[in-house]
Amino acid sequence: MARAPSILVLDGAAARLAPVVERLRTLGFSCVRAKTPEEALRLVEDPRHALGAAVLPPDLPVADLGGALGMLRSRGARGLVFVVIGPRPEGEAMARLRSAGVELAVWHPLDDATLRFQLNR
């Protein structure tokens, strides 16, 4: 029987998504966290993790967000979906997320139904 996909959480050293990880686990999702780009690459390449989605904050501090997400997508499982969770950005920040390949978003305030719906997609 196939395992349910896990969620990769791209959180950085500040661990701002730690409360989201706890909510996801309460909702029944399996999560693995990456604090660095190198750690994220190791996790997407690790066959022990069946990653279906990657969650990131809207302001992930990466110089080339599109390049970083593209590398994760190409090195990991096919179909890795990127989901932004956090406060809704304005203007240029929103365009940066779209152009980087982020497909889905859950904006604050978070509710469990929306969180579950977006991550089940």
N, C-alpha and C. Protein backbone atom coordinates (compact mmCIF):
# COMPACT_ATOMS: atom_id res chain seq x y z
N MET A 1 0.84 -1.17 0.00
CA MET A 1 0.00 0.00 0.00
C MET A 1 0.89 1.24 0.00
N ALA A 2 0.56 2.22 -0.81
CA ALA A 2 1.35 3.44 -0.92
C ALA A 2 1.17 4.32 0.31
N ARG A 3 2.26 4.97 0.67
CA ARG A 3 2.22 5.91 1.80
C ARG A 3 1.55 7.19 1.38
N ALA A 4 0.94 7.87 2.35
CA ALA A 4 0.40 9.21 2.09
C ALA A 4 1.59 10.15 1.94
N PRO A 5 1.51 11.10 1.03
CA PRO A 5 2.63 12.03 0.85
C PRO A 5 2.90 12.86 2.10
N SER A 6 4.16 13.18 2.29
CA SER A 6 4.57 14.07 3.37
C SER A 6 4.66 15.49 2.84
N ILE A 7 4.75 16.43 3.76
CA ILE A 7 4.88 17.83 3.42
C ILE A 7 6.25 18.32 3.85
N LEU A 8 6.96 18.94 2.93
CA LEU A 8 8.24 19.57 3.22
C LEU A 8 7.96 21.00 3.65
N VAL A 9 8.47 21.39 4.80
CA VAL A 9 8.27 22.74 5.31
C VAL A 9 9.60 23.48 5.20
N LEU A 10 9.65 24.49 4.31
CA LEU A 10 10.84 25.31 4.11
C LEU A 10 10.73 26.48 5.06
N ASP A 11 11.41 26.37 6.19
CA ASP A 11 11.15 27.29 7.29
C ASP A 11 12.28 28.24 7.62
N GLY A 12 13.49 27.89 7.33
CA GLY A 12 14.60 28.74 7.72
C GLY A 12 14.91 28.60 9.21
N ALA A 13 15.95 29.27 9.64
CA ALA A 13 16.41 29.16 11.03
C ALA A 13 15.43 29.78 12.03
N ALA A 14 14.60 30.73 11.60
CA ALA A 14 13.69 31.42 12.51
C ALA A 14 12.53 30.54 12.95
N ALA A 15 12.24 29.47 12.24
CA ALA A 15 11.17 28.52 12.57
C ALA A 15 9.82 29.21 12.74
N ARG A 16 9.53 30.17 11.85
CA ARG A 16 8.25 30.90 11.95
C ARG A 16 7.05 30.03 11.63
N LEU A 17 7.26 28.94 10.89
CA LEU A 17 6.15 28.06 10.54
C LEU A 17 5.96 26.93 11.55
N ALA A 18 6.67 26.96 12.67
CA ALA A 18 6.53 25.90 13.68
C ALA A 18 5.08 25.73 14.14
N PRO A 19 4.32 26.81 14.39
CA PRO A 19 2.91 26.61 14.77
C PRO A 19 2.09 25.97 13.64
N VAL A 20 2.42 26.28 12.41
CA VAL A 20 1.72 25.67 11.26
C VAL A 20 2.03 24.18 11.20
N VAL A 21 3.28 23.82 11.44
CA VAL A 21 3.67 22.40 11.44
C VAL A 21 2.86 21.65 12.49
N GLU A 22 2.71 22.21 13.67
CA GLU A 22 1.93 21.56 14.72
C GLU A 22 0.47 21.40 14.30
N ARG A 23 -0.09 22.42 13.67
CA ARG A 23 -1.47 22.31 13.19
C ARG A 23 -1.60 21.23 12.12
N LEU A 24 -0.64 21.19 11.20
CA LEU A 24 -0.67 20.18 10.15
C LEU A 24 -0.61 18.77 10.73
N ARG A 25 0.24 18.59 11.71
CA ARG A 25 0.36 17.27 12.35
C ARG A 25 -0.95 16.92 13.07
N THR A 26 -1.57 17.90 13.71
CA THR A 26 -2.85 17.67 14.36
C THR A 26 -3.92 17.26 13.35
N LEU A 27 -3.82 17.80 12.14
CA LEU A 27 -4.77 17.47 11.07
C LEU A 27 -4.44 16.15 10.38
N GLY A 28 -3.36 15.50 10.80
CA GLY A 28 -3.01 14.19 10.27
C GLY A 28 -1.97 14.16 9.18
N PHE A 29 -1.33 15.31 8.90
CA PHE A 29 -0.30 15.36 7.87
C PHE A 29 1.07 15.02 8.48
N SER A 30 1.90 14.38 7.69
CA SER A 30 3.27 14.10 8.07
C SER A 30 4.15 15.23 7.51
N CYS A 31 4.97 15.82 8.36
CA CYS A 31 5.80 16.96 7.93
C CYS A 31 7.27 16.71 8.22
N VAL A 32 8.12 17.19 7.32
CA VAL A 32 9.56 17.23 7.55
C VAL A 32 9.99 18.68 7.32
N ARG A 33 10.89 19.18 8.17
CA ARG A 33 11.30 20.58 8.09
C ARG A 33 12.71 20.71 7.59
N ALA A 34 12.92 21.77 6.79
CA ALA A 34 14.25 22.11 6.28
C ALA A 34 14.56 23.54 6.70
N LYS A 35 15.72 23.73 7.32
CA LYS A 35 16.14 25.06 7.74
C LYS A 35 17.05 25.73 6.72
N THR A 36 17.63 24.93 5.84
CA THR A 36 18.56 25.46 4.83
C THR A 36 18.21 24.89 3.46
N PRO A 37 18.62 25.56 2.39
CA PRO A 37 18.40 24.99 1.05
C PRO A 37 19.06 23.63 0.86
N GLU A 38 20.23 23.44 1.45
CA GLU A 38 20.95 22.17 1.33
C GLU A 38 20.15 21.05 2.00
N GLU A 39 19.58 21.36 3.16
CA GLU A 39 18.77 20.37 3.87
C GLU A 39 17.51 20.03 3.06
N ALA A 40 16.90 21.03 2.43
CA ALA A 40 15.72 20.80 1.60
C ALA A 40 16.07 19.88 0.43
N LEU A 41 17.21 20.10 -0.21
CA LEU A 41 17.63 19.23 -1.31
C LEU A 41 17.82 17.79 -0.85
N ARG A 42 18.46 17.61 0.30
CA ARG A 42 18.66 16.26 0.83
C ARG A 42 17.31 15.58 1.07
N LEU A 43 16.36 16.33 1.62
CA LEU A 43 15.05 15.74 1.92
C LEU A 43 14.27 15.37 0.67
N VAL A 44 14.30 16.20 -0.38
CA VAL A 44 13.55 15.86 -1.59
C VAL A 44 14.19 14.69 -2.33
N GLU A 45 15.49 14.49 -2.16
CA GLU A 45 16.18 13.38 -2.81
C GLU A 45 16.11 12.08 -2.00
N ASP A 46 15.71 12.17 -0.74
CA ASP A 46 15.67 11.01 0.15
C ASP A 46 14.44 10.16 -0.18
N PRO A 47 14.64 8.91 -0.61
CA PRO A 47 13.50 8.06 -0.98
C PRO A 47 12.60 7.69 0.19
N ARG A 48 13.04 7.92 1.43
CA ARG A 48 12.19 7.61 2.59
C ARG A 48 11.03 8.59 2.72
N HIS A 49 11.14 9.75 2.07
CA HIS A 49 10.09 10.76 2.16
C HIS A 49 9.33 10.84 0.84
N ALA A 50 8.05 10.56 0.89
CA ALA A 50 7.20 10.69 -0.30
C ALA A 50 6.59 12.09 -0.24
N LEU A 51 7.34 13.07 -0.71
CA LEU A 51 6.91 14.46 -0.59
C LEU A 51 5.93 14.83 -1.71
N GLY A 52 4.79 15.36 -1.31
CA GLY A 52 3.79 15.78 -2.28
C GLY A 52 3.65 17.28 -2.37
N ALA A 53 4.04 17.97 -1.29
CA ALA A 53 3.90 19.43 -1.25
C ALA A 53 5.05 20.01 -0.44
N ALA A 54 5.35 21.26 -0.74
CA ALA A 54 6.33 22.02 0.03
C ALA A 54 5.67 23.31 0.48
N VAL A 55 5.73 23.58 1.76
CA VAL A 55 5.13 24.77 2.35
C VAL A 55 6.25 25.77 2.65
N LEU A 56 5.99 27.04 2.34
CA LEU A 56 6.97 28.08 2.61
C LEU A 56 6.27 29.37 3.02
N PRO A 57 6.98 30.22 3.76
CA PRO A 57 6.41 31.52 4.10
C PRO A 57 6.48 32.43 2.87
N PRO A 58 5.64 33.45 2.80
CA PRO A 58 5.63 34.31 1.63
C PRO A 58 6.92 35.11 1.42
N ASP A 59 7.71 35.24 2.46
CA ASP A 59 8.94 36.02 2.37
C ASP A 59 10.19 35.18 2.65
N LEU A 60 10.20 33.95 2.13
CA LEU A 60 11.35 33.07 2.32
C LEU A 60 12.60 33.80 1.83
N PRO A 61 13.63 33.92 2.68
CA PRO A 61 14.82 34.69 2.30
C PRO A 61 15.76 33.94 1.37
N VAL A 62 15.39 33.90 0.10
CA VAL A 62 16.18 33.25 -0.94
C VAL A 62 16.35 34.26 -2.06
N ALA A 63 17.57 34.44 -2.53
CA ALA A 63 17.83 35.44 -3.57
C ALA A 63 17.08 35.11 -4.86
N ASP A 64 17.12 33.86 -5.30
CA ASP A 64 16.45 33.44 -6.53
C ASP A 64 15.41 32.39 -6.18
N LEU A 65 14.23 32.84 -5.78
CA LEU A 65 13.19 31.92 -5.33
C LEU A 65 12.78 30.96 -6.44
N GLY A 66 12.61 31.45 -7.65
CA GLY A 66 12.24 30.59 -8.77
C GLY A 66 13.27 29.51 -9.03
N GLY A 67 14.54 29.88 -8.99
CA GLY A 67 15.61 28.91 -9.19
C GLY A 67 15.65 27.86 -8.10
N ALA A 68 15.46 28.30 -6.85
CA ALA A 68 15.49 27.38 -5.71
C ALA A 68 14.32 26.39 -5.79
N LEU A 69 13.12 26.90 -6.07
CA LEU A 69 11.96 26.01 -6.14
C LEU A 69 12.05 25.09 -7.36
N GLY A 70 12.58 25.61 -8.46
CA GLY A 70 12.77 24.79 -9.64
C GLY A 70 13.73 23.64 -9.39
N MET A 71 14.80 23.92 -8.65
CA MET A 71 15.77 22.87 -8.34
C MET A 71 15.13 21.81 -7.45
N LEU A 72 14.36 22.24 -6.46
CA LEU A 72 13.69 21.27 -5.59
C LEU A 72 12.71 20.41 -6.39
N ARG A 73 11.99 21.03 -7.29
CA ARG A 73 11.01 20.31 -8.10
C ARG A 73 11.72 19.32 -9.03
N SER A 74 12.83 19.71 -9.62
CA SER A 74 13.52 18.82 -10.56
C SER A 74 14.26 17.69 -9.86
N ARG A 75 14.71 17.91 -8.64
CA ARG A 75 15.48 16.89 -7.93
C ARG A 75 14.60 15.98 -7.10
N GLY A 76 13.37 16.39 -6.85
CA GLY A 76 12.47 15.60 -6.01
C GLY A 76 11.47 14.83 -6.83
N ALA A 77 10.43 14.43 -6.15
CA ALA A 77 9.36 13.68 -6.80
C ALA A 77 8.63 14.57 -7.80
N ARG A 78 8.15 13.95 -8.84
CA ARG A 78 7.35 14.70 -9.81
C ARG A 78 6.08 15.18 -9.12
N GLY A 79 5.66 16.36 -9.50
CA GLY A 79 4.41 16.87 -8.97
C GLY A 79 4.52 17.57 -7.63
N LEU A 80 5.72 17.91 -7.18
CA LEU A 80 5.86 18.65 -5.93
C LEU A 80 5.16 20.00 -6.09
N VAL A 81 4.19 20.26 -5.22
CA VAL A 81 3.39 21.47 -5.28
C VAL A 81 3.87 22.42 -4.18
N PHE A 82 4.03 23.70 -4.53
CA PHE A 82 4.47 24.70 -3.56
C PHE A 82 3.28 25.49 -3.05
N VAL A 83 3.19 25.58 -1.71
CA VAL A 83 2.09 26.26 -1.04
C VAL A 83 2.66 27.31 -0.10
N VAL A 84 2.23 28.55 -0.26
CA VAL A 84 2.65 29.62 0.64
C VAL A 84 1.64 29.71 1.78
N ILE A 85 2.15 29.84 2.99
CA ILE A 85 1.30 30.01 4.17
C ILE A 85 1.81 31.20 4.96
N GLY A 86 0.93 32.17 5.19
CA GLY A 86 1.32 33.34 5.97
C GLY A 86 0.51 34.56 5.61
N PRO A 87 1.01 35.73 5.99
CA PRO A 87 0.30 36.97 5.65
C PRO A 87 0.36 37.23 4.15
N ARG A 88 -0.74 37.71 3.60
CA ARG A 88 -0.83 37.97 2.16
C ARG A 88 0.07 39.14 1.78
N PRO A 89 1.02 38.91 0.86
CA PRO A 89 1.90 40.01 0.43
C PRO A 89 1.20 40.91 -0.58
N GLU A 90 1.80 42.04 -0.82
CA GLU A 90 1.26 43.01 -1.78
C GLU A 90 2.15 43.07 -3.02
N GLY A 91 1.60 43.54 -4.10
CA GLY A 91 2.30 43.90 -5.33
C GLY A 91 3.44 43.03 -5.78
N GLU A 92 4.64 43.57 -5.69
CA GLU A 92 5.84 42.92 -6.21
C GLU A 92 6.13 41.59 -5.51
N ALA A 93 5.86 41.52 -4.22
CA ALA A 93 6.09 40.28 -3.48
C ALA A 93 5.16 39.17 -3.98
N MET A 94 3.93 39.52 -4.31
CA MET A 94 2.98 38.55 -4.84
C MET A 94 3.43 38.09 -6.24
N ALA A 95 3.89 39.01 -7.05
CA ALA A 95 4.38 38.67 -8.38
C ALA A 95 5.60 37.75 -8.30
N ARG A 96 6.46 37.97 -7.31
CA ARG A 96 7.65 37.13 -7.11
C ARG A 96 7.23 35.69 -6.83
N LEU A 97 6.21 35.50 -6.01
CA LEU A 97 5.73 34.16 -5.69
C LEU A 97 5.16 33.47 -6.92
N ARG A 98 4.34 34.19 -7.67
CA ARG A 98 3.74 33.62 -8.88
C ARG A 98 4.81 33.21 -9.89
N SER A 99 5.75 34.11 -10.13
CA SER A 99 6.79 33.82 -11.13
C SER A 99 7.74 32.72 -10.68
N ALA A 100 7.82 32.49 -9.36
CA ALA A 100 8.68 31.44 -8.84
C ALA A 100 8.05 30.05 -8.97
N GLY A 101 6.75 30.00 -9.27
CA GLY A 101 6.10 28.71 -9.43
C GLY A 101 5.27 28.26 -8.25
N VAL A 102 4.93 29.17 -7.35
CA VAL A 102 4.06 28.83 -6.23
C VAL A 102 2.64 28.68 -6.78
N GLU A 103 2.03 27.53 -6.52
CA GLU A 103 0.70 27.25 -7.08
C GLU A 103 -0.45 27.59 -6.15
N LEU A 104 -0.27 27.37 -4.85
CA LEU A 104 -1.37 27.53 -3.90
C LEU A 104 -0.95 28.41 -2.73
N ALA A 105 -1.96 28.94 -2.03
CA ALA A 105 -1.67 29.79 -0.87
C ALA A 105 -2.76 29.63 0.18
N VAL A 106 -2.36 29.82 1.42
CA VAL A 106 -3.28 29.90 2.55
C VAL A 106 -2.85 31.15 3.30
N TRP A 107 -3.68 32.19 3.24
CA TRP A 107 -3.34 33.46 3.87
C TRP A 107 -3.90 33.52 5.29
N HIS A 108 -3.23 34.30 6.12
CA HIS A 108 -3.72 34.55 7.48
C HIS A 108 -5.01 35.34 7.42
N PRO A 109 -5.93 35.14 8.30
CA PRO A 109 -5.90 34.16 9.39
C PRO A 109 -6.16 32.74 8.86
N LEU A 110 -5.44 31.78 9.43
CA LEU A 110 -5.55 30.39 8.99
C LEU A 110 -6.76 29.73 9.64
N ASP A 111 -7.45 28.95 8.85
CA ASP A 111 -8.47 28.09 9.45
C ASP A 111 -8.20 26.67 8.98
N ASP A 112 -8.52 25.71 9.83
CA ASP A 112 -8.18 24.32 9.55
C ASP A 112 -8.79 23.79 8.26
N ALA A 113 -10.02 24.19 7.96
CA ALA A 113 -10.68 23.69 6.75
C ALA A 113 -9.93 24.12 5.49
N THR A 114 -9.55 25.40 5.42
CA THR A 114 -8.81 25.89 4.25
C THR A 114 -7.43 25.25 4.18
N LEU A 115 -6.77 25.16 5.31
CA LEU A 115 -5.44 24.54 5.37
C LEU A 115 -5.51 23.11 4.85
N ARG A 116 -6.45 22.33 5.35
CA ARG A 116 -6.60 20.94 4.93
C ARG A 116 -6.95 20.85 3.44
N PHE A 117 -7.87 21.70 2.98
CA PHE A 117 -8.29 21.67 1.58
C PHE A 117 -7.12 21.94 0.64
N GLN A 118 -6.36 22.99 0.91
CA GLN A 118 -5.26 23.35 0.02
C GLN A 118 -4.19 22.27 0.00
N LEU A 119 -3.89 21.69 1.15
CA LEU A 119 -2.82 20.68 1.18
C LEU A 119 -3.27 19.33 0.65
N ASN A 120 -4.56 19.06 0.69
CA ASN A 120 -5.05 17.82 0.07
C ASN A 120 -5.08 17.92 -1.44
N ARG A 121 -5.08 19.15 -1.96
CA ARG A 121 -5.10 19.32 -3.42
C ARG A 121 -3.80 18.81 -4.00
